[in-house]
Amino acid sequence: MQLNSDTKNRLFYLLLAVFTAAFALYLRSIWQHLPFFINIWIGDFLWAIMVFWLSRIVFLRTESQKLTLSLIVFCWFVEASQTFHTPSLDAFRDTTLGGLLLGHGFL
């Protein structure tokens, strides 16, 4: 079976997203051994990269600059959502998937 270039690119971006998430979870498991500066910023940095990889799967042919600008706005909304706390939302944030998608709060 021959894959077209779009499918290959989407698979490549999916692999990058999975690797980024796995790397972030690994770093989270050894956080106490990392320097303070890395602990503060690495989670947000890797999350933003993972969101970019995942968005490239959906918006494969969109220019990177346009996609990046729209993702900045998306990230601002996610950060703003961290100011809202309800029991069900906090319970979702306490799961691995919820923590990866929404974060836990401002650190």
PDB file of N, CA and C in Angstrom:
ATOM      1  N   MET A   1       0.837  -1.179   0.000  1.00  0.00           N
ATOM      2  CA  MET A   1       0.000   0.000   0.000  1.00  0.00           C
ATOM      3  C   MET A   1       0.877   1.236   0.000  1.00  0.00           C
ATOM      4  N   GLN A   2       0.638   2.118  -0.912  1.00  0.00           N
ATOM      5  CA  GLN A   2       1.429   3.347  -1.060  1.00  0.00           C
ATOM      6  C   GLN A   2       0.714   4.506  -0.371  1.00  0.00           C
ATOM      7  N   LEU A   3       1.406   5.217   0.516  1.00  0.00           N
ATOM      8  CA  LEU A   3       0.832   6.374   1.201  1.00  0.00           C
ATOM      9  C   LEU A   3       1.182   7.638   0.431  1.00  0.00           C
ATOM     10  N   ASN A   4       0.211   8.546   0.329  1.00  0.00           N
ATOM     11  CA  ASN A   4       0.517   9.816  -0.328  1.00  0.00           C
ATOM     12  C   ASN A   4       1.293  10.720   0.630  1.00  0.00           C
ATOM     13  N   SER A   5       1.793  11.813   0.126  1.00  0.00           N
ATOM     14  CA  SER A   5       2.668  12.677   0.931  1.00  0.00           C
ATOM     15  C   SER A   5       1.911  13.329   2.083  1.00  0.00           C
ATOM     16  N   ASP A   6       0.636  13.679   1.904  1.00  0.00           N
ATOM     17  CA  ASP A   6      -0.133  14.263   3.008  1.00  0.00           C
ATOM     18  C   ASP A   6      -0.277  13.278   4.164  1.00  0.00           C
ATOM     19  N   THR A   7      -0.567  12.037   3.843  1.00  0.00           N
ATOM     20  CA  THR A   7      -0.700  11.015   4.877  1.00  0.00           C
ATOM     21  C   THR A   7       0.622  10.797   5.598  1.00  0.00           C
ATOM     22  N   LYS A   8       1.712  10.769   4.851  1.00  0.00           N
ATOM     23  CA  LYS A   8       3.032  10.615   5.471  1.00  0.00           C
ATOM     24  C   LYS A   8       3.334  11.785   6.396  1.00  0.00           C
ATOM     25  N   ASN A   9       3.009  12.999   5.952  1.00  0.00           N
ATOM     26  CA  ASN A   9       3.252  14.177   6.784  1.00  0.00           C
ATOM     27  C   ASN A   9       2.401  14.135   8.052  1.00  0.00           C
ATOM     28  N   ARG A  10       1.142  13.740   7.915  1.00  0.00           N
ATOM     29  CA  ARG A  10       0.273  13.656   9.090  1.00  0.00           C
ATOM     30  C   ARG A  10       0.791  12.608  10.082  1.00  0.00           C
ATOM     31  N   LEU A  11       1.233  11.491   9.581  1.00  0.00           N
ATOM     32  CA  LEU A  11       1.801  10.470  10.459  1.00  0.00           C
ATOM     33  C   LEU A  11       3.066  10.967  11.145  1.00  0.00           C
ATOM     34  N   PHE A  12       3.877  11.709  10.422  1.00  0.00           N
ATOM     35  CA  PHE A  12       5.089  12.280  10.993  1.00  0.00           C
ATOM     36  C   PHE A  12       4.748  13.255  12.127  1.00  0.00           C
ATOM     37  N   TYR A  13       3.747  14.147  11.905  1.00  0.00           N
ATOM     38  CA  TYR A  13       3.354  15.093  12.946  1.00  0.00           C
ATOM     39  C   TYR A  13       2.732  14.376  14.141  1.00  0.00           C
ATOM     40  N   LEU A  14       1.996  13.306  13.885  1.00  0.00           N
ATOM     41  CA  LEU A  14       1.437  12.522  14.985  1.00  0.00           C
ATOM     42  C   LEU A  14       2.550  11.885  15.803  1.00  0.00           C
ATOM     43  N   LEU A  15       3.550  11.357  15.144  1.00  0.00           N
ATOM     44  CA  LEU A  15       4.694  10.777  15.841  1.00  0.00           C
ATOM     45  C   LEU A  15       5.410  11.836  16.682  1.00  0.00           C
ATOM     46  N   LEU A  16       5.595  13.024  16.129  1.00  0.00           N
ATOM     47  CA  LEU A  16       6.218  14.106  16.892  1.00  0.00           C
ATOM     48  C   LEU A  16       5.387  14.479  18.116  1.00  0.00           C
ATOM     49  N   ALA A  17       4.062  14.540  17.963  1.00  0.00           N
ATOM     50  CA  ALA A  17       3.190  14.878  19.088  1.00  0.00           C
ATOM     51  C   ALA A  17       3.267  13.813  20.180  1.00  0.00           C
ATOM     52  N   VAL A  18       3.235  12.555  19.789  1.00  0.00           N
ATOM     53  CA  VAL A  18       3.311  11.458  20.770  1.00  0.00           C
ATOM     54  C   VAL A  18       4.668  11.480  21.479  1.00  0.00           C
ATOM     55  N   PHE A  19       5.738  11.694  20.726  1.00  0.00           N
ATOM     56  CA  PHE A  19       7.066  11.766  21.328  1.00  0.00           C
ATOM     57  C   PHE A  19       7.155  12.945  22.303  1.00  0.00           C
ATOM     58  N   THR A  20       6.612  14.088  21.913  1.00  0.00           N
ATOM     59  CA  THR A  20       6.651  15.273  22.777  1.00  0.00           C
ATOM     60  C   THR A  20       5.876  15.022  24.064  1.00  0.00           C
ATOM     61  N   ALA A  21       4.686  14.430  23.958  1.00  0.00           N
ATOM     62  CA  ALA A  21       3.896  14.129  25.156  1.00  0.00           C
ATOM     63  C   ALA A  21       4.617  13.123  26.047  1.00  0.00           C
ATOM     64  N   ALA A  22       5.196  12.094  25.451  1.00  0.00           N
ATOM     65  CA  ALA A  22       5.929  11.093  26.233  1.00  0.00           C
ATOM     66  C   ALA A  22       7.138  11.722  26.928  1.00  0.00           C
ATOM     67  N   PHE A  23       7.847  12.577  26.224  1.00  0.00           N
ATOM     68  CA  PHE A  23       8.997  13.257  26.807  1.00  0.00           C
ATOM     69  C   PHE A  23       8.561  14.160  27.964  1.00  0.00           C
ATOM     70  N   ALA A  24       7.442  14.855  27.793  1.00  0.00           N
ATOM     71  CA  ALA A  24       6.930  15.722  28.853  1.00  0.00           C
ATOM     72  C   ALA A  24       6.541  14.905  30.089  1.00  0.00           C
ATOM     73  N   LEU A  25       5.883  13.776  29.866  1.00  0.00           N
ATOM     74  CA  LEU A  25       5.512  12.921  30.999  1.00  0.00           C
ATOM     75  C   LEU A  25       6.745  12.341  31.685  1.00  0.00           C
ATOM     76  N   TYR A  26       7.758  11.999  30.901  1.00  0.00           N
ATOM     77  CA  TYR A  26       9.016  11.515  31.489  1.00  0.00           C
ATOM     78  C   TYR A  26       9.655  12.609  32.353  1.00  0.00           C
ATOM     79  N   LEU A  27       9.726  13.826  31.818  1.00  0.00           N
ATOM     80  CA  LEU A  27      10.321  14.925  32.594  1.00  0.00           C
ATOM     81  C   LEU A  27       9.528  15.189  33.864  1.00  0.00           C
ATOM     82  N   ARG A  28       8.213  15.032  33.770  1.00  0.00           N
ATOM     83  CA  ARG A  28       7.383  15.240  34.951  1.00  0.00           C
ATOM     84  C   ARG A  28       7.685  14.201  36.028  1.00  0.00           C
ATOM     85  N   SER A  29       8.077  13.006  35.606  1.00  0.00           N
ATOM     86  CA  SER A  29       8.391  11.958  36.583  1.00  0.00           C
ATOM     87  C   SER A  29       9.739  12.175  37.261  1.00  0.00           C
ATOM     88  N   ILE A  30      10.619  12.956  36.652  1.00  0.00           N
ATOM     89  CA  ILE A  30      11.941  13.210  37.255  1.00  0.00           C
ATOM     90  C   ILE A  30      12.128  14.686  37.595  1.00  0.00           C
ATOM     91  N   TRP A  31      11.052  15.426  37.745  1.00  0.00           N
ATOM     92  CA  TRP A  31      11.125  16.874  37.924  1.00  0.00           C
ATOM     93  C   TRP A  31      12.008  17.292  39.086  1.00  0.00           C
ATOM     94  N   GLN A  32      12.057  16.502  40.140  1.00  0.00           N
ATOM     95  CA  GLN A  32      12.838  16.895  41.318  1.00  0.00           C
ATOM     96  C   GLN A  32      14.343  16.915  41.041  1.00  0.00           C
ATOM     97  N   HIS A  33      14.773  16.287  39.956  1.00  0.00           N
ATOM     98  CA  HIS A  33      16.197  16.253  39.619  1.00  0.00           C
ATOM     99  C   HIS A  33      16.592  17.332  38.611  1.00  0.00           C
ATOM    100  N   LEU A  34      15.624  18.111  38.149  1.00  0.00           N
ATOM    101  CA  LEU A  34      15.899  19.142  37.143  1.00  0.00           C
ATOM    102  C   LEU A  34      16.107  20.492  37.806  1.00  0.00           C
ATOM    103  N   PRO A  35      16.877  21.378  37.166  1.00  0.00           N
ATOM    104  CA  PRO A  35      17.045  22.726  37.706  1.00  0.00           C
ATOM    105  C   PRO A  35      15.706  23.468  37.775  1.00  0.00           C
ATOM    106  N   PHE A  36      15.595  24.390  38.710  1.00  0.00           N
ATOM    107  CA  PHE A  36      14.352  25.131  38.938  1.00  0.00           C
ATOM    108  C   PHE A  36      13.861  25.823  37.670  1.00  0.00           C
ATOM    109  N   PHE A  37      14.744  26.465  36.933  1.00  0.00           N
ATOM    110  CA  PHE A  37      14.346  27.202  35.734  1.00  0.00           C
ATOM    111  C   PHE A  37      13.683  26.272  34.719  1.00  0.00           C
ATOM    112  N   ILE A  38      14.208  25.084  34.567  1.00  0.00           N
ATOM    113  CA  ILE A  38      13.626  24.122  33.624  1.00  0.00           C
ATOM    114  C   ILE A  38      12.261  23.659  34.125  1.00  0.00           C
ATOM    115  N   ASN A  39      12.142  23.418  35.420  1.00  0.00           N
ATOM    116  CA  ASN A  39      10.858  22.983  35.971  1.00  0.00           C
ATOM    117  C   ASN A  39       9.758  24.001  35.744  1.00  0.00           C
ATOM    118  N   ILE A  40      10.080  25.261  35.810  1.00  0.00           N
ATOM    119  CA  ILE A  40       9.078  26.311  35.665  1.00  0.00           C
ATOM    120  C   ILE A  40       8.544  26.387  34.236  1.00  0.00           C
ATOM    121  N   TRP A  41       9.396  26.261  33.226  1.00  0.00           N
ATOM    122  CA  TRP A  41       9.008  26.550  31.852  1.00  0.00           C
ATOM    123  C   TRP A  41       8.850  25.342  30.930  1.00  0.00           C
ATOM    124  N   ILE A  42       9.447  24.225  31.234  1.00  0.00           N
ATOM    125  CA  ILE A  42       9.496  23.129  30.266  1.00  0.00           C
ATOM    126  C   ILE A  42       8.111  22.557  29.964  1.00  0.00           C
ATOM    127  N   GLY A  43       7.243  22.478  30.950  1.00  0.00           N
ATOM    128  CA  GLY A  43       5.909  21.930  30.718  1.00  0.00           C
ATOM    129  C   GLY A  43       5.101  22.758  29.729  1.00  0.00           C
ATOM    130  N   ASP A  44       5.080  24.079  29.931  1.00  0.00           N
ATOM    131  CA  ASP A  44       4.352  24.957  29.015  1.00  0.00           C
ATOM    132  C   ASP A  44       4.972  24.944  27.625  1.00  0.00           C
ATOM    133  N   PHE A  45       6.279  24.905  27.578  1.00  0.00           N
ATOM    134  CA  PHE A  45       6.974  24.879  26.297  1.00  0.00           C
ATOM    135  C   PHE A  45       6.643  23.618  25.504  1.00  0.00           C
ATOM    136  N   LEU A  46       6.733  22.472  26.154  1.00  0.00           N
ATOM    137  CA  LEU A  46       6.439  21.212  25.463  1.00  0.00           C
ATOM    138  C   LEU A  46       4.959  21.105  25.110  1.00  0.00           C
ATOM    139  N   TRP A  47       4.084  21.641  25.959  1.00  0.00           N
ATOM    140  CA  TRP A  47       2.654  21.628  25.647  1.00  0.00           C
ATOM    141  C   TRP A  47       2.380  22.433  24.377  1.00  0.00           C
ATOM    142  N   ALA A  48       2.984  23.615  24.278  1.00  0.00           N
ATOM    143  CA  ALA A  48       2.774  24.451  23.091  1.00  0.00           C
ATOM    144  C   ALA A  48       3.296  23.754  21.827  1.00  0.00           C
ATOM    145  N   ILE A  49       4.425  23.093  21.937  1.00  0.00           N
ATOM    146  CA  ILE A  49       4.963  22.364  20.780  1.00  0.00           C
ATOM    147  C   ILE A  49       4.036  21.216  20.401  1.00  0.00           C
ATOM    148  N   MET A  50       3.517  20.491  21.403  1.00  0.00           N
ATOM    149  CA  MET A  50       2.609  19.388  21.119  1.00  0.00           C
ATOM    150  C   MET A  50       1.329  19.887  20.443  1.00  0.00           C
ATOM    151  N   VAL A  51       0.800  21.007  20.901  1.00  0.00           N
ATOM    152  CA  VAL A  51      -0.392  21.587  20.274  1.00  0.00           C
ATOM    153  C   VAL A  51      -0.093  21.967  18.827  1.00  0.00           C
ATOM    154  N   PHE A  52       1.089  22.495  18.573  1.00  0.00           N
ATOM    155  CA  PHE A  52       1.459  22.840  17.195  1.00  0.00           C
ATOM    156  C   PHE A  52       1.508  21.589  16.322  1.00  0.00           C
ATOM    157  N   TRP A  53       2.154  20.526  16.811  1.00  0.00           N
ATOM    158  CA  TRP A  53       2.233  19.282  16.016  1.00  0.00           C
ATOM    159  C   TRP A  53       0.833  18.745  15.721  1.00  0.00           C
ATOM    160  N   LEU A  54      -0.036  18.725  16.736  1.00  0.00           N
ATOM    161  CA  LEU A  54      -1.387  18.211  16.532  1.00  0.00           C
ATOM    162  C   LEU A  54      -2.187  19.074  15.562  1.00  0.00           C
ATOM    163  N   SER A  55      -1.983  20.374  15.635  1.00  0.00           N
ATOM    164  CA  SER A  55      -2.711  21.246  14.710  1.00  0.00           C
ATOM    165  C   SER A  55      -2.214  21.083  13.273  1.00  0.00           C
ATOM    166  N   ARG A  56      -0.959  20.727  13.109  1.00  0.00           N
ATOM    167  CA  ARG A  56      -0.434  20.484  11.756  1.00  0.00           C
ATOM    168  C   ARG A  56      -1.092  19.260  11.119  1.00  0.00           C
ATOM    169  N   ILE A  57      -1.520  18.318  11.935  1.00  0.00           N
ATOM    170  CA  ILE A  57      -2.225  17.158  11.399  1.00  0.00           C
ATOM    171  C   ILE A  57      -3.534  17.596  10.750  1.00  0.00           C
ATOM    172  N   VAL A  58      -4.260  18.477  11.422  1.00  0.00           N
ATOM    173  CA  VAL A  58      -5.560  18.929  10.928  1.00  0.00           C
ATOM    174  C   VAL A  58      -5.407  19.989   9.841  1.00  0.00           C
ATOM    175  N   PHE A  59      -4.522  20.938  10.074  1.00  0.00           N
ATOM    176  CA  PHE A  59      -4.336  22.061   9.150  1.00  0.00           C
ATOM    177  C   PHE A  59      -3.001  21.917   8.433  1.00  0.00           C
ATOM    178  N   LEU A  60      -2.871  20.855   7.700  1.00  0.00           N
ATOM    179  CA  LEU A  60      -1.597  20.499   7.076  1.00  0.00           C
ATOM    180  C   LEU A  60      -1.126  21.535   6.069  1.00  0.00           C
ATOM    181  N   ARG A  61      -2.030  22.090   5.304  1.00  0.00           N
ATOM    182  CA  ARG A  61      -1.640  22.991   4.224  1.00  0.00           C
ATOM    183  C   ARG A  61      -1.687  24.477   4.612  1.00  0.00           C
ATOM    184  N   THR A  62      -2.008  24.762   5.854  1.00  0.00           N
ATOM    185  CA  THR A  62      -2.029  26.146   6.326  1.00  0.00           C
ATOM    186  C   THR A  62      -0.601  26.629   6.536  1.00  0.00           C
ATOM    187  N   GLU A  63      -0.351  27.879   6.168  1.00  0.00           N
ATOM    188  CA  GLU A  63       0.989  28.436   6.366  1.00  0.00           C
ATOM    189  C   GLU A  63       1.339  28.431   7.849  1.00  0.00           C
ATOM    190  N   SER A  64       2.584  28.142   8.144  1.00  0.00           N
ATOM    191  CA  SER A  64       3.034  28.045   9.532  1.00  0.00           C
ATOM    192  C   SER A  64       2.819  29.342  10.301  1.00  0.00           C
ATOM    193  N   GLN A  65       3.041  30.480   9.657  1.00  0.00           N
ATOM    194  CA  GLN A  65       2.874  31.761  10.351  1.00  0.00           C
ATOM    195  C   GLN A  65       1.422  31.999  10.750  1.00  0.00           C
ATOM    196  N   LYS A  66       0.492  31.718   9.852  1.00  0.00           N
ATOM    197  CA  LYS A  66      -0.925  31.891  10.172  1.00  0.00           C
ATOM    198  C   LYS A  66      -1.357  30.929  11.267  1.00  0.00           C
ATOM    199  N   LEU A  67      -0.899  29.710  11.165  1.00  0.00           N
ATOM    200  CA  LEU A  67      -1.245  28.713  12.163  1.00  0.00           C
ATOM    201  C   LEU A  67      -0.669  29.091  13.521  1.00  0.00           C
ATOM    202  N   THR A  68       0.548  29.566  13.542  1.00  0.00           N
ATOM    203  CA  THR A  68       1.180  29.955  14.795  1.00  0.00           C
ATOM    204  C   THR A  68       0.420  31.091  15.461  1.00  0.00           C
ATOM    205  N   LEU A  69       0.016  32.091  14.695  1.00  0.00           N
ATOM    206  CA  LEU A  69      -0.743  33.207  15.267  1.00  0.00           C
ATOM    207  C   LEU A  69      -2.079  32.740  15.846  1.00  0.00           C
ATOM    208  N   SER A  70      -2.772  31.858  15.142  1.00  0.00           N
ATOM    209  CA  SER A  70      -4.047  31.369  15.662  1.00  0.00           C
ATOM    210  C   SER A  70      -3.830  30.497  16.898  1.00  0.00           C
ATOM    211  N   LEU A  71      -2.736  29.767  16.944  1.00  0.00           N
ATOM    212  CA  LEU A  71      -2.454  28.940  18.114  1.00  0.00           C
ATOM    213  C   LEU A  71      -2.057  29.769  19.325  1.00  0.00           C
ATOM    214  N   ILE A  72      -1.444  30.914  19.098  1.00  0.00           N
ATOM    215  CA  ILE A  72      -1.144  31.812  20.223  1.00  0.00           C
ATOM    216  C   ILE A  72      -2.437  32.253  20.893  1.00  0.00           C
ATOM    217  N   VAL A  73      -3.429  32.617  20.093  1.00  0.00           N
ATOM    218  CA  VAL A  73      -4.729  33.003  20.644  1.00  0.00           C
ATOM    219  C   VAL A  73      -5.360  31.820  21.380  1.00  0.00           C
ATOM    220  N   PHE A  74      -5.290  30.636  20.789  1.00  0.00           N
ATOM    221  CA  PHE A  74      -5.819  29.429  21.439  1.00  0.00           C
ATOM    222  C   PHE A  74      -5.134  29.209  22.788  1.00  0.00           C
ATOM    223  N   CYS A  75      -3.824  29.346  22.836  1.00  0.00           N
ATOM    224  CA  CYS A  75      -3.085  29.136  24.083  1.00  0.00           C
ATOM    225  C   CYS A  75      -3.475  30.167  25.134  1.00  0.00           C
ATOM    226  N   TRP A  76      -3.723  31.416  24.703  1.00  0.00           N
ATOM    227  CA  TRP A  76      -4.173  32.436  25.653  1.00  0.00           C
ATOM    228  C   TRP A  76      -5.514  32.041  26.268  1.00  0.00           C
ATOM    229  N   PHE A  77      -6.416  31.485  25.456  1.00  0.00           N
ATOM    230  CA  PHE A  77      -7.699  31.041  25.983  1.00  0.00           C
ATOM    231  C   PHE A  77      -7.524  29.891  26.974  1.00  0.00           C
ATOM    232  N   VAL A  78      -6.630  28.976  26.676  1.00  0.00           N
ATOM    233  CA  VAL A  78      -6.383  27.865  27.600  1.00  0.00           C
ATOM    234  C   VAL A  78      -5.802  28.398  28.907  1.00  0.00           C
ATOM    235  N   GLU A  79      -4.868  29.324  28.817  1.00  0.00           N
ATOM    236  CA  GLU A  79      -4.297  29.916  30.035  1.00  0.00           C
ATOM    237  C   GLU A  79      -5.371  30.635  30.843  1.00  0.00           C
ATOM    238  N   ALA A  80      -6.245  31.378  30.153  1.00  0.00           N
ATOM    239  CA  ALA A  80      -7.321  32.083  30.846  1.00  0.00           C
ATOM    240  C   ALA A  80      -8.286  31.097  31.492  1.00  0.00           C
ATOM    241  N   SER A  81      -8.483  29.934  30.880  1.00  0.00           N
ATOM    242  CA  SER A  81      -9.395  28.933  31.453  1.00  0.00           C
ATOM    243  C   SER A  81      -8.880  28.395  32.780  1.00  0.00           C
ATOM    244  N   GLN A  82      -7.597  28.556  33.039  1.00  0.00           N
ATOM    245  CA  GLN A  82      -7.031  28.057  34.288  1.00  0.00           C
ATOM    246  C   GLN A  82      -7.462  28.897  35.488  1.00  0.00           C
ATOM    247  N   THR A  83      -8.086  30.035  35.228  1.00  0.00           N
ATOM    248  CA  THR A  83      -8.607  30.837  36.337  1.00  0.00           C
ATOM    249  C   THR A  83      -9.971  30.347  36.802  1.00  0.00           C
ATOM    250  N   PHE A  84     -10.624  29.480  36.017  1.00  0.00           N
ATOM    251  CA  PHE A  84     -11.933  28.943  36.369  1.00  0.00           C
ATOM    252  C   PHE A  84     -11.766  27.597  37.064  1.00  0.00           C
ATOM    253  N   HIS A  85     -12.430  27.462  38.198  1.00  0.00           N
ATOM    254  CA  HIS A  85     -12.328  26.218  38.966  1.00  0.00           C
ATOM    255  C   HIS A  85     -13.715  25.777  39.402  1.00  0.00           C
ATOM    256  N   THR A  86     -14.114  24.640  38.907  1.00  0.00           N
ATOM    257  CA  THR A  86     -15.328  23.967  39.369  1.00  0.00           C
ATOM    258  C   THR A  86     -14.907  22.557  39.766  1.00  0.00           C
ATOM    259  N   PRO A  87     -15.675  21.891  40.591  1.00  0.00           N
ATOM    260  CA  PRO A  87     -15.275  20.529  40.999  1.00  0.00           C
ATOM    261  C   PRO A  87     -15.083  19.580  39.819  1.00  0.00           C
ATOM    262  N   SER A  88     -15.980  19.627  38.837  1.00  0.00           N
ATOM    263  CA  SER A  88     -15.845  18.706  37.706  1.00  0.00           C
ATOM    264  C   SER A  88     -14.649  19.080  36.823  1.00  0.00           C
ATOM    265  N   LEU A  89     -14.417  20.375  36.629  1.00  0.00           N
ATOM    266  CA  LEU A  89     -13.275  20.814  35.826  1.00  0.00           C
ATOM    267  C   LEU A  89     -11.961  20.478  36.519  1.00  0.00           C
ATOM    268  N   ASP A  90     -11.913  20.681  37.833  1.00  0.00           N
ATOM    269  CA  ASP A  90     -10.694  20.337  38.569  1.00  0.00           C
ATOM    270  C   ASP A  90     -10.461  18.826  38.596  1.00  0.00           C
ATOM    271  N   ALA A  91     -11.550  18.040  38.643  1.00  0.00           N
ATOM    272  CA  ALA A  91     -11.397  16.582  38.593  1.00  0.00           C
ATOM    273  C   ALA A  91     -10.835  16.155  37.243  1.00  0.00           C
ATOM    274  N   PHE A  92     -11.278  16.799  36.167  1.00  0.00           N
ATOM    275  CA  PHE A  92     -10.732  16.498  34.840  1.00  0.00           C
ATOM    276  C   PHE A  92      -9.274  16.910  34.752  1.00  0.00           C
ATOM    277  N   ARG A  93      -8.927  18.070  35.324  1.00  0.00           N
ATOM    278  CA  ARG A  93      -7.534  18.512  35.316  1.00  0.00           C
ATOM    279  C   ARG A  93      -6.625  17.579  36.094  1.00  0.00           C
ATOM    280  N   ASP A  94      -7.167  16.863  37.064  1.00  0.00           N
ATOM    281  CA  ASP A  94      -6.364  15.937  37.866  1.00  0.00           C
ATOM    282  C   ASP A  94      -6.040  14.643  37.122  1.00  0.00           C
ATOM    283  N   THR A  95      -6.684  14.405  35.976  1.00  0.00           N
ATOM    284  CA  THR A  95      -6.323  13.247  35.154  1.00  0.00           C
ATOM    285  C   THR A  95      -5.128  13.626  34.284  1.00  0.00           C
ATOM    286  N   THR A  96      -4.424  12.638  33.778  1.00  0.00           N
ATOM    287  CA  THR A  96      -3.265  12.912  32.915  1.00  0.00           C
ATOM    288  C   THR A  96      -3.692  13.659  31.665  1.00  0.00           C
ATOM    289  N   LEU A  97      -4.760  13.191  31.022  1.00  0.00           N
ATOM    290  CA  LEU A  97      -5.235  13.854  29.801  1.00  0.00           C
ATOM    291  C   LEU A  97      -5.704  15.272  30.098  1.00  0.00           C
ATOM    292  N   GLY A  98      -6.468  15.454  31.161  1.00  0.00           N
ATOM    293  CA  GLY A  98      -6.941  16.790  31.524  1.00  0.00           C
ATOM    294  C   GLY A  98      -5.806  17.734  31.860  1.00  0.00           C
ATOM    295  N   GLY A  99      -4.800  17.213  32.552  1.00  0.00           N
ATOM    296  CA  GLY A  99      -3.635  18.036  32.865  1.00  0.00           C
ATOM    297  C   GLY A  99      -2.869  18.441  31.620  1.00  0.00           C
ATOM    298  N   LEU A 100      -2.779  17.516  30.649  1.00  0.00           N
ATOM    299  CA  LEU A 100      -2.086  17.839  29.407  1.00  0.00           C
ATOM    300  C   LEU A 100      -2.862  18.849  28.569  1.00  0.00           C
ATOM    301  N   LEU A 101      -4.186  18.722  28.553  1.00  0.00           N
ATOM    302  CA  LEU A 101      -4.988  19.614  27.712  1.00  0.00           C
ATOM    303  C   LEU A 101      -5.178  20.989  28.326  1.00  0.00           C
ATOM    304  N   LEU A 102      -5.494  21.057  29.616  1.00  0.00           N
ATOM    305  CA  LEU A 102      -5.882  22.314  30.231  1.00  0.00           C
ATOM    306  C   LEU A 102      -4.877  22.877  31.229  1.00  0.00           C
ATOM    307  N   GLY A 103      -3.942  22.075  31.663  1.00  0.00           N
ATOM    308  CA  GLY A 103      -3.021  22.534  32.691  1.00  0.00           C
ATOM    309  C   GLY A 103      -3.697  22.538  34.054  1.00  0.00           C
ATOM    310  N   HIS A 104      -2.941  22.908  35.055  1.00  0.00           N
ATOM    311  CA  HIS A 104      -3.472  22.875  36.428  1.00  0.00           C
ATOM    312  C   HIS A 104      -3.702  24.253  37.007  1.00  0.00           C
ATOM    313  N   GLY A 105      -3.030  25.243  36.531  1.00  0.00           N
ATOM    314  CA  GLY A 105      -3.156  26.584  37.061  1.00  0.00           C
ATOM    315  C   GLY A 105      -1.879  27.342  36.814  1.00  0.00           C
ATOM    316  N   PHE A 106      -1.893  28.567  37.269  1.00  0.00           N
ATOM    317  CA  PHE A 106      -0.716  29.407  37.093  1.00  0.00           C
ATOM    318  C   PHE A 106       0.299  29.050  38.159  1.00  0.00           C
ATOM    319  N   LEU A 107       1.525  28.826  37.741  1.00  0.00           N
ATOM    320  CA  LEU A 107       2.585  28.484  38.694  1.00  0.00           C
ATOM    321  C   LEU A 107       3.473  29.690  38.935  1.00  0.00           C
TER     322      LEU A 107
END
